Amino acid sequence: MGGEGSMMAANQSLKNNRSLTSKRKEKGALSGSYANIELKEFPKATQEQLDTIKAQTLTDNKKALIQTIVFFIIASLGLLIAVHYLF
């Protein structure tokens, strides 16, 4: 029956992976609980800071949109000129 070699290789690979798990350095990385973890306290942002961040984000997005539109127009014009001269 076909496929026996690939099944044996898959079983061997699983066996090798199982044997490698005992040699890992970070054995306790996935075990344990979050009971003794202290959460960090971050300062709250003021309304002025939020407004400046919002304004900066809006201007950055507007610049990116303008750059995208200009690039698309230039690429379209270049394509139209190339098609015009080719045909």
N, C-alpha and C. Protein backbone atom coordinates (compact mmCIF):
# COMPACT_ATOMS: atom_id res chain seq x y z
N MET A 1 0.83 -1.17 0.00
CA MET A 1 0.00 0.00 0.00
C MET A 1 0.89 1.24 0.00
N GLY A 2 0.48 2.28 -0.71
CA GLY A 2 1.30 3.47 -0.82
C GLY A 2 1.21 4.36 0.41
N GLY A 3 2.21 5.19 0.59
CA GLY A 3 2.21 6.16 1.68
C GLY A 3 2.78 5.66 2.98
N GLU A 4 3.27 4.43 3.01
CA GLU A 4 3.78 3.89 4.26
C GLU A 4 5.05 4.61 4.71
N GLY A 5 5.88 4.99 3.75
CA GLY A 5 7.12 5.68 4.10
C GLY A 5 6.85 7.05 4.70
N SER A 6 5.86 7.75 4.16
CA SER A 6 5.55 9.07 4.69
C SER A 6 4.93 8.97 6.07
N MET A 7 4.14 7.91 6.32
CA MET A 7 3.55 7.72 7.65
C MET A 7 4.63 7.41 8.67
N MET A 8 5.61 6.59 8.27
CA MET A 8 6.71 6.28 9.18
C MET A 8 7.52 7.53 9.48
N ALA A 9 7.73 8.37 8.47
CA ALA A 9 8.49 9.60 8.69
C ALA A 9 7.73 10.54 9.61
N ALA A 10 6.41 10.61 9.47
CA ALA A 10 5.61 11.47 10.34
C ALA A 10 5.67 10.97 11.78
N ASN A 11 5.57 9.66 11.97
CA ASN A 11 5.65 9.09 13.31
C ASN A 11 7.02 9.35 13.93
N GLN A 12 8.07 9.21 13.14
CA GLN A 12 9.43 9.46 13.64
C GLN A 12 9.60 10.93 14.02
N SER A 13 9.03 11.82 13.23
CA SER A 13 9.12 13.25 13.52
C SER A 13 8.40 13.57 14.83
N LEU A 14 7.22 13.00 15.02
CA LEU A 14 6.48 13.21 16.27
C LEU A 14 7.26 12.67 17.47
N LYS A 15 7.88 11.52 17.30
CA LYS A 15 8.67 10.92 18.37
C LYS A 15 9.87 11.81 18.72
N ASN A 16 10.55 12.34 17.70
CA ASN A 16 11.70 13.21 17.94
C ASN A 16 11.27 14.51 18.63
N ASN A 17 10.15 15.08 18.21
CA ASN A 17 9.67 16.31 18.84
C ASN A 17 9.30 16.07 20.30
N ARG A 18 8.71 14.93 20.60
CA ARG A 18 8.34 14.59 21.96
C ARG A 18 9.58 14.46 22.84
N SER A 19 10.66 13.90 22.28
CA SER A 19 11.88 13.74 23.07
C SER A 19 12.59 15.07 23.27
N LEU A 20 12.38 16.02 22.36
CA LEU A 20 13.03 17.33 22.50
C LEU A 20 12.37 18.21 23.55
N THR A 21 11.11 17.94 23.88
CA THR A 21 10.43 18.81 24.84
C THR A 21 11.06 18.73 26.22
N SER A 22 11.65 17.61 26.57
CA SER A 22 12.27 17.50 27.89
C SER A 22 13.59 18.26 27.96
N LYS A 23 14.17 18.63 26.83
CA LYS A 23 15.46 19.31 26.80
C LYS A 23 15.33 20.83 26.71
N ARG A 24 14.13 21.35 26.68
CA ARG A 24 13.95 22.78 26.52
C ARG A 24 14.36 23.52 27.77
N LYS A 25 14.92 24.71 27.58
CA LYS A 25 15.38 25.52 28.70
C LYS A 25 14.22 26.13 29.46
N GLU A 26 13.20 26.59 28.73
CA GLU A 26 12.11 27.30 29.36
C GLU A 26 10.99 26.34 29.76
N LYS A 27 11.33 25.38 30.60
CA LYS A 27 10.34 24.40 31.01
C LYS A 27 9.17 25.05 31.75
N GLY A 28 9.49 25.98 32.64
CA GLY A 28 8.44 26.58 33.45
C GLY A 28 7.83 27.82 32.84
N ALA A 29 8.14 28.10 31.60
CA ALA A 29 7.64 29.32 30.98
C ALA A 29 6.13 29.28 30.81
N LEU A 30 5.60 28.13 30.53
CA LEU A 30 4.17 28.03 30.29
C LEU A 30 3.40 27.57 31.51
N SER A 31 4.08 27.16 32.53
CA SER A 31 3.38 26.72 33.73
C SER A 31 3.41 27.83 34.77
N GLY A 32 2.47 27.79 35.67
CA GLY A 32 2.41 28.80 36.72
C GLY A 32 1.14 29.62 36.61
N SER A 33 1.03 30.58 37.51
CA SER A 33 -0.17 31.40 37.52
C SER A 33 0.23 32.86 37.55
N TYR A 34 -0.75 33.71 37.44
CA TYR A 34 -0.53 35.14 37.48
C TYR A 34 -0.90 35.73 38.85
N ALA A 35 -0.92 34.92 39.87
CA ALA A 35 -1.36 35.37 41.19
C ALA A 35 -0.40 36.40 41.79
N ASN A 36 0.89 36.25 41.60
CA ASN A 36 1.86 37.13 42.23
C ASN A 36 2.38 38.22 41.30
N ILE A 37 1.74 38.41 40.17
CA ILE A 37 2.17 39.41 39.20
C ILE A 37 1.61 40.77 39.60
N GLU A 38 2.49 41.77 39.64
CA GLU A 38 2.04 43.13 39.94
C GLU A 38 1.86 43.88 38.62
N LEU A 39 0.70 44.47 38.45
CA LEU A 39 0.43 45.24 37.24
C LEU A 39 1.03 46.62 37.38
N LYS A 40 1.58 47.13 36.30
CA LYS A 40 2.18 48.45 36.32
C LYS A 40 1.11 49.51 36.20
N GLU A 41 1.34 50.63 36.86
CA GLU A 41 0.43 51.76 36.80
C GLU A 41 0.98 52.78 35.81
N PHE A 42 0.21 53.12 34.81
CA PHE A 42 0.61 54.11 33.83
C PHE A 42 -0.14 55.40 34.09
N PRO A 43 0.50 56.54 33.84
CA PRO A 43 -0.18 57.80 34.08
C PRO A 43 -1.33 58.00 33.08
N LYS A 44 -2.37 58.66 33.54
CA LYS A 44 -3.52 58.94 32.68
C LYS A 44 -3.20 60.14 31.81
N ALA A 45 -3.65 60.11 30.58
CA ALA A 45 -3.42 61.22 29.66
C ALA A 45 -4.47 62.30 29.91
N THR A 46 -4.01 63.54 29.85
CA THR A 46 -4.94 64.65 30.02
C THR A 46 -5.69 64.87 28.71
N GLN A 47 -6.76 65.67 28.79
CA GLN A 47 -7.55 65.94 27.59
C GLN A 47 -6.73 66.71 26.56
N GLU A 48 -5.84 67.60 27.02
CA GLU A 48 -4.97 68.34 26.10
C GLU A 48 -4.05 67.39 25.33
N GLN A 49 -3.47 66.44 26.04
CA GLN A 49 -2.58 65.48 25.39
C GLN A 49 -3.35 64.64 24.37
N LEU A 50 -4.56 64.23 24.74
CA LEU A 50 -5.37 63.45 23.81
C LEU A 50 -5.73 64.27 22.58
N ASP A 51 -6.03 65.55 22.78
CA ASP A 51 -6.37 66.41 21.64
C ASP A 51 -5.18 66.61 20.72
N THR A 52 -3.98 66.79 21.30
CA THR A 52 -2.79 66.97 20.45
C THR A 52 -2.47 65.68 19.69
N ILE A 53 -2.63 64.55 20.35
CA ILE A 53 -2.39 63.27 19.67
C ILE A 53 -3.40 63.08 18.54
N LYS A 54 -4.65 63.43 18.79
CA LYS A 54 -5.69 63.30 17.77
C LYS A 54 -5.41 64.21 16.58
N ALA A 55 -5.01 65.47 16.87
CA ALA A 55 -4.71 66.41 15.79
C ALA A 55 -3.52 65.94 14.97
N GLN A 56 -2.49 65.45 15.64
CA GLN A 56 -1.30 64.95 14.95
C GLN A 56 -1.64 63.75 14.08
N THR A 57 -2.46 62.86 14.60
CA THR A 57 -2.86 61.68 13.84
C THR A 57 -3.67 62.07 12.61
N LEU A 58 -4.57 63.03 12.77
CA LEU A 58 -5.38 63.48 11.64
C LEU A 58 -4.51 64.12 10.55
N THR A 59 -3.54 64.95 10.95
CA THR A 59 -2.67 65.57 9.95
C THR A 59 -1.79 64.53 9.26
N ASP A 60 -1.29 63.57 10.02
CA ASP A 60 -0.48 62.51 9.41
C ASP A 60 -1.30 61.69 8.41
N ASN A 61 -2.53 61.37 8.78
CA ASN A 61 -3.39 60.61 7.87
C ASN A 61 -3.72 61.41 6.62
N LYS A 62 -3.94 62.71 6.79
CA LYS A 62 -4.25 63.56 5.63
C LYS A 62 -3.05 63.62 4.69
N LYS A 63 -1.83 63.77 5.25
CA LYS A 63 -0.63 63.79 4.42
C LYS A 63 -0.45 62.48 3.67
N ALA A 64 -0.69 61.37 4.36
CA ALA A 64 -0.54 60.06 3.72
C ALA A 64 -1.56 59.89 2.60
N LEU A 65 -2.78 60.37 2.80
CA LEU A 65 -3.80 60.27 1.77
C LEU A 65 -3.44 61.12 0.56
N ILE A 66 -2.94 62.32 0.80
CA ILE A 66 -2.54 63.20 -0.31
C ILE A 66 -1.39 62.57 -1.09
N GLN A 67 -0.42 62.00 -0.39
CA GLN A 67 0.70 61.35 -1.07
C GLN A 67 0.22 60.17 -1.91
N THR A 68 -0.72 59.41 -1.39
CA THR A 68 -1.25 58.27 -2.13
C THR A 68 -1.97 58.73 -3.39
N ILE A 69 -2.78 59.78 -3.25
CA ILE A 69 -3.53 60.29 -4.41
C ILE A 69 -2.58 60.84 -5.46
N VAL A 70 -1.57 61.61 -5.04
CA VAL A 70 -0.61 62.18 -5.99
C VAL A 70 0.15 61.06 -6.70
N PHE A 71 0.58 60.07 -5.97
CA PHE A 71 1.29 58.94 -6.58
C PHE A 71 0.39 58.23 -7.60
N PHE A 72 -0.88 58.02 -7.25
CA PHE A 72 -1.80 57.35 -8.16
C PHE A 72 -2.01 58.17 -9.43
N ILE A 73 -2.14 59.48 -9.28
CA ILE A 73 -2.33 60.34 -10.45
C ILE A 73 -1.10 60.31 -11.35
N ILE A 74 0.09 60.42 -10.76
CA ILE A 74 1.32 60.39 -11.55
C ILE A 74 1.49 59.04 -12.24
N ALA A 75 1.20 57.96 -11.52
CA ALA A 75 1.32 56.63 -12.12
C ALA A 75 0.31 56.46 -13.25
N SER A 76 -0.89 56.97 -13.06
CA SER A 76 -1.92 56.86 -14.11
C SER A 76 -1.53 57.66 -15.34
N LEU A 77 -1.02 58.87 -15.13
CA LEU A 77 -0.59 59.68 -16.26
C LEU A 77 0.57 59.02 -17.00
N GLY A 78 1.51 58.48 -16.25
CA GLY A 78 2.62 57.77 -16.88
C GLY A 78 2.16 56.58 -17.68
N LEU A 79 1.20 55.85 -17.15
CA LEU A 79 0.66 54.70 -17.86
C LEU A 79 -0.08 55.13 -19.12
N LEU A 80 -0.86 56.20 -19.02
CA LEU A 80 -1.58 56.70 -20.19
C LEU A 80 -0.62 57.17 -21.28
N ILE A 81 0.43 57.87 -20.89
CA ILE A 81 1.42 58.34 -21.86
C ILE A 81 2.12 57.15 -22.50
N ALA A 82 2.47 56.16 -21.70
CA ALA A 82 3.15 54.98 -22.24
C ALA A 82 2.25 54.23 -23.21
N VAL A 83 0.98 54.08 -22.88
CA VAL A 83 0.05 53.38 -23.76
C VAL A 83 -0.18 54.19 -25.04
N HIS A 84 -0.25 55.51 -24.90
CA HIS A 84 -0.47 56.37 -26.07
C HIS A 84 0.68 56.24 -27.07
N TYR A 85 1.92 56.25 -26.57
CA TYR A 85 3.07 56.18 -27.48
C TYR A 85 3.33 54.77 -27.99
N LEU A 86 2.88 53.76 -27.26
CA LEU A 86 3.09 52.39 -27.73
C LEU A 86 2.11 52.01 -28.82
N PHE A 87 0.92 52.58 -28.79
CA PHE A 87 -0.09 52.19 -29.78
C PHE A 87 -0.39 53.38 -30.61
